[in-house]
């Protein structure tokens, strides 16, 4: 293949979970090919550098192959050279989730404190 759509390539090499999420990231301006913002149908070729912000992480990859269909994890890794910076270290959640034996279910207040410490937002009401 000479070229492929960027949204399809991101999905094929498993950088995006679904093709629609890859296209959505392109439309939002989170994907660049060789430093230029890419629309979902923008062509990507071997040797291009793709910079994408997907899943809350900045990925910088060089295109090595253009597979015709979605691949498994190992063959997909062979289709790109990952030049991304390492992800930030995760802070351990010390003391969270530990409840003494027989303490029962966490109360609503306990659940809110756990969610806040984990960085999660509450569910919308209604």
N, C-alpha and C. Protein backbone atom coordinates (compact mmCIF):
# COMPACT_ATOMS: atom_id res chain seq x y z
N UNK A 1 0.84 -1.19 0.00
CA UNK A 1 0.00 0.00 0.00
C UNK A 1 0.88 1.25 0.00
N UNK A 2 0.47 2.26 -0.74
CA UNK A 2 1.23 3.51 -0.78
C UNK A 2 0.89 4.40 0.41
N UNK A 3 -0.37 4.49 0.74
CA UNK A 3 -0.79 5.34 1.84
C UNK A 3 -2.04 4.79 2.48
N UNK A 4 -2.34 5.28 3.67
CA UNK A 4 -3.53 4.84 4.39
C UNK A 4 -4.10 6.05 5.13
N UNK A 5 -5.38 5.98 5.44
CA UNK A 5 -6.01 7.03 6.24
C UNK A 5 -5.42 6.99 7.65
N UNK A 6 -5.20 8.16 8.22
CA UNK A 6 -4.60 8.21 9.55
C UNK A 6 -5.51 7.60 10.61
N UNK A 7 -6.82 7.83 10.53
CA UNK A 7 -7.71 7.26 11.54
C UNK A 7 -7.69 5.74 11.49
N UNK A 8 -7.67 5.20 10.28
CA UNK A 8 -7.63 3.75 10.14
C UNK A 8 -6.28 3.19 10.60
N UNK A 9 -5.19 3.88 10.29
CA UNK A 9 -3.87 3.40 10.69
C UNK A 9 -3.74 3.39 12.22
N UNK A 10 -4.22 4.46 12.88
CA UNK A 10 -4.15 4.51 14.34
C UNK A 10 -4.90 3.35 14.97
N UNK A 11 -6.05 3.00 14.39
CA UNK A 11 -6.84 1.89 14.89
C UNK A 11 -6.16 0.56 14.56
N UNK A 12 -5.61 0.43 13.36
CA UNK A 12 -5.00 -0.82 12.91
C UNK A 12 -3.80 -1.21 13.75
N UNK A 13 -2.99 -0.23 14.15
CA UNK A 13 -1.80 -0.54 14.95
C UNK A 13 -2.07 -0.41 16.45
N UNK A 14 -3.33 -0.33 16.81
CA UNK A 14 -3.79 -0.37 18.20
C UNK A 14 -3.34 0.81 19.06
N UNK A 15 -3.19 1.98 18.45
CA UNK A 15 -2.96 3.18 19.25
C UNK A 15 -4.28 3.76 19.73
N UNK A 16 -5.35 3.52 18.96
CA UNK A 16 -6.70 3.95 19.33
C UNK A 16 -7.56 2.71 19.51
N UNK A 17 -8.44 2.76 20.49
CA UNK A 17 -9.28 1.60 20.79
C UNK A 17 -10.28 1.32 19.67
N UNK A 18 -10.84 2.36 19.09
CA UNK A 18 -11.78 2.19 17.98
C UNK A 18 -11.42 3.19 16.88
N UNK A 19 -11.91 2.91 15.69
CA UNK A 19 -11.63 3.82 14.58
C UNK A 19 -12.37 5.13 14.78
N UNK A 20 -13.55 5.08 15.36
CA UNK A 20 -14.29 6.32 15.59
C UNK A 20 -13.59 7.20 16.62
N UNK A 21 -12.95 6.60 17.63
CA UNK A 21 -12.18 7.40 18.59
C UNK A 21 -10.96 8.03 17.92
N UNK A 22 -10.34 7.30 16.98
CA UNK A 22 -9.21 7.85 16.24
C UNK A 22 -9.66 9.03 15.38
N UNK A 23 -10.81 8.89 14.71
CA UNK A 23 -11.33 9.98 13.88
C UNK A 23 -11.71 11.18 14.74
N UNK A 24 -12.28 10.90 15.90
CA UNK A 24 -12.67 11.98 16.82
C UNK A 24 -11.43 12.75 17.30
N UNK A 25 -10.35 12.04 17.59
CA UNK A 25 -9.11 12.69 18.01
C UNK A 25 -8.54 13.55 16.88
N UNK A 26 -8.67 13.08 15.65
CA UNK A 26 -8.19 13.86 14.50
C UNK A 26 -9.00 15.15 14.35
N UNK A 27 -10.32 15.02 14.44
CA UNK A 27 -11.18 16.20 14.30
C UNK A 27 -10.94 17.21 15.42
N UNK A 28 -10.56 16.72 16.61
CA UNK A 28 -10.30 17.61 17.74
C UNK A 28 -8.92 18.26 17.67
N UNK A 29 -8.11 17.85 16.70
CA UNK A 29 -6.78 18.45 16.55
C UNK A 29 -5.72 17.79 17.39
N UNK A 30 -5.96 16.56 17.85
CA UNK A 30 -5.00 15.86 18.71
C UNK A 30 -4.02 15.00 17.92
N UNK A 31 -4.12 15.00 16.60
CA UNK A 31 -3.24 14.16 15.78
C UNK A 31 -2.52 15.05 14.76
N UNK A 32 -1.21 14.84 14.66
CA UNK A 32 -0.40 15.58 13.69
C UNK A 32 0.45 14.59 12.89
N UNK A 33 0.59 14.87 11.60
CA UNK A 33 1.47 14.08 10.75
C UNK A 33 2.58 15.02 10.28
N UNK A 34 3.81 14.72 10.65
CA UNK A 34 4.96 15.56 10.32
C UNK A 34 4.75 17.01 10.74
N UNK A 35 4.15 17.22 11.90
CA UNK A 35 3.95 18.56 12.45
C UNK A 35 2.74 19.31 11.94
N UNK A 36 1.92 18.69 11.10
CA UNK A 36 0.72 19.33 10.54
C UNK A 36 -0.51 18.62 11.06
N UNK A 37 -1.49 19.41 11.54
CA UNK A 37 -2.74 18.81 12.02
C UNK A 37 -3.37 17.95 10.94
N UNK A 38 -3.87 16.79 11.34
CA UNK A 38 -4.40 15.83 10.38
C UNK A 38 -5.90 15.64 10.56
N UNK A 39 -6.62 15.65 9.45
CA UNK A 39 -8.02 15.27 9.44
C UNK A 39 -8.08 13.75 9.38
N UNK A 40 -9.24 13.15 9.68
CA UNK A 40 -9.31 11.68 9.70
C UNK A 40 -8.92 11.01 8.38
N UNK A 41 -9.16 11.66 7.24
CA UNK A 41 -8.85 11.06 5.95
C UNK A 41 -7.46 11.41 5.44
N UNK A 42 -6.66 12.09 6.24
CA UNK A 42 -5.32 12.47 5.79
C UNK A 42 -4.48 11.22 5.55
N UNK A 43 -3.72 11.20 4.45
CA UNK A 43 -2.91 10.02 4.16
C UNK A 43 -1.64 9.98 5.02
N UNK A 44 -1.29 8.79 5.44
CA UNK A 44 -0.05 8.58 6.17
C UNK A 44 0.77 7.59 5.35
N UNK A 45 2.08 7.82 5.27
CA UNK A 45 2.97 6.97 4.47
C UNK A 45 4.12 6.48 5.34
N UNK A 46 4.82 5.48 4.86
CA UNK A 46 5.98 4.94 5.57
C UNK A 46 7.02 6.05 5.71
N UNK A 47 7.55 6.20 6.92
CA UNK A 47 8.55 7.23 7.19
C UNK A 47 7.97 8.47 7.85
N UNK A 48 6.64 8.62 7.86
CA UNK A 48 6.02 9.78 8.50
C UNK A 48 6.13 9.68 10.01
N UNK A 49 6.15 10.84 10.66
CA UNK A 49 6.12 10.92 12.11
C UNK A 49 4.72 11.35 12.53
N UNK A 50 4.10 10.54 13.37
CA UNK A 50 2.74 10.80 13.83
C UNK A 50 2.80 11.14 15.31
N UNK A 51 2.20 12.28 15.65
CA UNK A 51 2.12 12.72 17.04
C UNK A 51 0.64 12.73 17.40
N UNK A 52 0.27 11.94 18.41
CA UNK A 52 -1.14 11.81 18.76
C UNK A 52 -1.31 11.86 20.28
N UNK A 53 -2.35 12.56 20.71
CA UNK A 53 -2.71 12.59 22.13
C UNK A 53 -3.95 11.72 22.29
N UNK A 54 -3.73 10.48 22.71
CA UNK A 54 -4.80 9.50 22.82
C UNK A 54 -4.77 8.88 24.21
N UNK A 55 -5.93 8.74 24.80
CA UNK A 55 -6.01 8.10 26.11
C UNK A 55 -5.29 8.85 27.20
N UNK A 56 -5.20 10.17 27.07
CA UNK A 56 -4.55 10.97 28.10
C UNK A 56 -3.03 10.90 28.05
N UNK A 57 -2.48 10.41 26.96
CA UNK A 57 -1.02 10.28 26.84
C UNK A 57 -0.56 10.75 25.47
N UNK A 58 0.57 11.42 25.44
CA UNK A 58 1.15 11.90 24.19
C UNK A 58 1.97 10.77 23.58
N UNK A 59 1.64 10.40 22.33
CA UNK A 59 2.37 9.34 21.63
C UNK A 59 3.05 9.94 20.40
N UNK A 60 4.34 9.65 20.24
CA UNK A 60 5.10 10.08 19.07
C UNK A 60 5.66 8.80 18.44
N UNK A 61 5.20 8.50 17.23
CA UNK A 61 5.60 7.26 16.58
C UNK A 61 6.02 7.53 15.14
N UNK A 62 6.89 6.67 14.64
CA UNK A 62 7.30 6.72 13.24
C UNK A 62 6.68 5.53 12.53
N UNK A 63 6.09 5.78 11.36
CA UNK A 63 5.41 4.74 10.60
C UNK A 63 6.44 3.88 9.89
N UNK A 64 6.36 2.55 10.12
CA UNK A 64 7.27 1.61 9.49
C UNK A 64 6.54 0.78 8.44
N UNK A 65 5.30 0.39 8.74
CA UNK A 65 4.49 -0.41 7.82
C UNK A 65 3.07 0.13 7.78
N UNK A 66 2.37 -0.18 6.70
CA UNK A 66 0.96 0.17 6.55
C UNK A 66 0.17 -1.13 6.38
N UNK A 67 -0.24 -1.75 7.49
CA UNK A 67 -0.96 -3.01 7.40
C UNK A 67 -2.33 -2.83 6.75
N UNK A 68 -2.80 -3.89 6.08
CA UNK A 68 -4.08 -3.84 5.38
C UNK A 68 -5.25 -4.04 6.33
N UNK A 69 -5.02 -4.73 7.45
CA UNK A 69 -6.11 -4.97 8.40
C UNK A 69 -5.58 -4.87 9.82
N UNK A 70 -6.48 -4.88 10.77
CA UNK A 70 -6.11 -4.77 12.18
C UNK A 70 -5.27 -5.97 12.59
N UNK A 71 -4.26 -5.70 13.40
CA UNK A 71 -3.30 -6.73 13.78
C UNK A 71 -3.36 -7.01 15.27
N UNK A 72 -2.74 -8.11 15.65
CA UNK A 72 -2.56 -8.41 17.06
C UNK A 72 -1.53 -7.46 17.65
N UNK A 73 -1.33 -7.56 18.96
CA UNK A 73 -0.44 -6.63 19.65
C UNK A 73 1.01 -6.72 19.18
N UNK A 74 1.54 -7.92 19.05
CA UNK A 74 2.95 -8.06 18.64
C UNK A 74 3.19 -7.61 17.20
N UNK A 75 2.39 -8.07 16.21
CA UNK A 75 2.62 -7.57 14.85
C UNK A 75 2.36 -6.07 14.73
N UNK A 76 1.45 -5.53 15.51
CA UNK A 76 1.17 -4.09 15.45
C UNK A 76 2.37 -3.29 15.95
N UNK A 77 3.06 -3.81 16.95
CA UNK A 77 4.24 -3.12 17.48
C UNK A 77 5.36 -3.05 16.43
N UNK A 78 5.37 -3.99 15.50
CA UNK A 78 6.39 -3.99 14.47
C UNK A 78 6.10 -2.98 13.36
N UNK A 79 4.90 -2.40 13.36
CA UNK A 79 4.50 -1.45 12.33
C UNK A 79 4.89 -0.02 12.67
N UNK A 80 5.48 0.20 13.83
CA UNK A 80 5.83 1.56 14.24
C UNK A 80 7.06 1.55 15.12
N UNK A 81 7.71 2.69 15.18
CA UNK A 81 8.82 2.90 16.11
C UNK A 81 8.34 3.94 17.11
N UNK A 82 8.26 3.54 18.36
CA UNK A 82 7.71 4.41 19.40
C UNK A 82 8.80 5.33 19.93
N UNK A 83 8.62 6.64 19.75
CA UNK A 83 9.55 7.63 20.25
C UNK A 83 8.90 8.50 21.33
N UNK A 84 7.87 7.96 21.97
CA UNK A 84 7.12 8.69 22.99
C UNK A 84 7.93 8.85 24.26
N UNK A 85 7.72 9.95 24.97
CA UNK A 85 8.36 10.08 26.28
C UNK A 85 7.71 9.06 27.22
N UNK A 86 8.45 8.60 28.22
CA UNK A 86 7.87 7.62 29.14
C UNK A 86 6.69 8.23 29.89
N UNK A 87 5.69 7.42 30.21
CA UNK A 87 4.54 7.95 30.94
C UNK A 87 4.97 8.39 32.34
N UNK A 88 4.28 9.36 32.91
CA UNK A 88 4.64 9.80 34.26
C UNK A 88 4.41 8.66 35.25
N UNK A 89 5.24 8.57 36.29
CA UNK A 89 5.06 7.49 37.25
C UNK A 89 3.74 7.64 37.99
N UNK A 90 3.13 6.50 38.24
CA UNK A 90 1.86 6.51 38.96
C UNK A 90 2.13 6.58 40.45
N UNK A 91 1.36 7.40 41.12
CA UNK A 91 1.51 7.52 42.56
C UNK A 91 0.72 6.39 43.21
N UNK A 92 1.35 5.68 44.13
CA UNK A 92 0.61 4.59 44.78
C UNK A 92 -0.50 5.16 45.67
N UNK A 93 -1.58 4.44 45.70
CA UNK A 93 -2.72 4.85 46.52
C UNK A 93 -2.56 4.19 47.89
N UNK A 94 -1.79 4.84 48.75
CA UNK A 94 -1.47 4.28 50.05
C UNK A 94 -2.69 4.37 50.96
N UNK A 95 -3.03 3.26 51.51
CA UNK A 95 -4.12 3.23 52.49
C UNK A 95 -5.50 3.25 51.90
N UNK A 96 -5.63 3.32 50.60
CA UNK A 96 -6.95 3.33 50.01
C UNK A 96 -7.43 1.91 49.77
N UNK A 97 -8.67 1.71 49.96
CA UNK A 97 -9.24 0.41 49.69
C UNK A 97 -9.07 -0.58 50.82
N UNK A 98 -8.33 -0.22 51.86
CA UNK A 98 -8.16 -1.13 52.98
C UNK A 98 -9.24 -0.86 54.00
N UNK A 99 -9.99 -1.87 54.27
CA UNK A 99 -11.01 -1.78 55.31
C UNK A 99 -10.81 -2.96 56.25
N UNK A 100 -10.94 -2.69 57.51
CA UNK A 100 -10.75 -3.75 58.49
C UNK A 100 -11.78 -4.85 58.32
N UNK A 101 -11.42 -6.02 58.76
CA UNK A 101 -12.31 -7.16 58.66
C UNK A 101 -13.58 -6.91 59.47
N UNK A 102 -14.71 -7.13 58.83
CA UNK A 102 -15.99 -6.93 59.51
C UNK A 102 -16.45 -5.48 59.51
N UNK A 103 -15.76 -4.61 58.78
CA UNK A 103 -16.13 -3.19 58.76
C UNK A 103 -17.36 -2.94 57.90
N UNK A 104 -17.72 -3.90 57.08
CA UNK A 104 -18.91 -3.75 56.25
C UNK A 104 -18.64 -2.93 55.00
N UNK A 105 -19.71 -2.59 54.33
CA UNK A 105 -19.59 -1.82 53.09
C UNK A 105 -19.17 -0.39 53.39
N UNK A 106 -18.47 0.24 52.46
CA UNK A 106 -18.12 1.65 52.68
C UNK A 106 -19.38 2.53 52.63
N UNK A 107 -19.39 3.54 53.44
CA UNK A 107 -20.52 4.47 53.44
C UNK A 107 -20.40 5.38 52.22
N UNK A 108 -21.43 6.17 52.00
CA UNK A 108 -21.41 7.10 50.88
C UNK A 108 -20.25 8.09 51.03
N UNK A 109 -20.00 8.52 52.25
CA UNK A 109 -18.90 9.45 52.51
C UNK A 109 -17.56 8.78 52.23
N UNK A 110 -17.40 7.51 52.66
CA UNK A 110 -16.17 6.78 52.38
C UNK A 110 -15.94 6.65 50.89
N UNK A 111 -17.01 6.33 50.14
CA UNK A 111 -16.90 6.16 48.70
C UNK A 111 -16.47 7.47 48.04
N UNK A 112 -17.02 8.60 48.48
CA UNK A 112 -16.63 9.90 47.92
C UNK A 112 -15.16 10.19 48.18
N UNK A 113 -14.69 9.87 49.38
CA UNK A 113 -13.29 10.10 49.71
C UNK A 113 -12.37 9.22 48.86
N UNK A 114 -12.77 7.96 48.64
CA UNK A 114 -11.99 7.07 47.79
C UNK A 114 -11.93 7.59 46.36
N UNK A 115 -13.07 7.97 45.82
CA UNK A 115 -13.13 8.48 44.46
C UNK A 115 -12.32 9.76 44.30
N UNK A 116 -12.38 10.64 45.29
CA UNK A 116 -11.63 11.88 45.22
C UNK A 116 -10.12 11.60 45.26
N UNK A 117 -9.71 10.66 46.09
CA UNK A 117 -8.29 10.33 46.19
C UNK A 117 -7.78 9.66 44.92
N UNK A 118 -8.65 8.90 44.24
CA UNK A 118 -8.25 8.23 43.00
C UNK A 118 -8.33 9.16 41.80
N UNK A 119 -8.87 10.35 41.98
CA UNK A 119 -8.96 11.30 40.87
C UNK A 119 -10.16 11.08 39.99
N UNK A 120 -11.13 10.36 40.47
CA UNK A 120 -12.33 10.11 39.67
C UNK A 120 -13.39 11.15 39.98
N UNK A 121 -14.24 11.35 39.02
CA UNK A 121 -15.35 12.28 39.22
C UNK A 121 -16.58 11.46 39.53
N UNK A 122 -17.50 12.05 40.24
CA UNK A 122 -18.74 11.35 40.57
C UNK A 122 -19.64 11.18 39.39
N UNK A 123 -20.58 10.27 39.49
CA UNK A 123 -21.55 10.05 38.42
C UNK A 123 -22.54 11.20 38.39
N UNK A 124 -23.00 11.58 37.20
CA UNK A 124 -23.99 12.65 37.12
C UNK A 124 -25.32 12.19 37.72
N UNK A 125 -26.00 13.12 38.30
CA UNK A 125 -27.30 12.82 38.94
C UNK A 125 -28.38 12.96 37.88
N UNK A 126 -29.27 11.98 37.86
CA UNK A 126 -30.42 12.07 36.95
C UNK A 126 -30.41 11.22 35.80
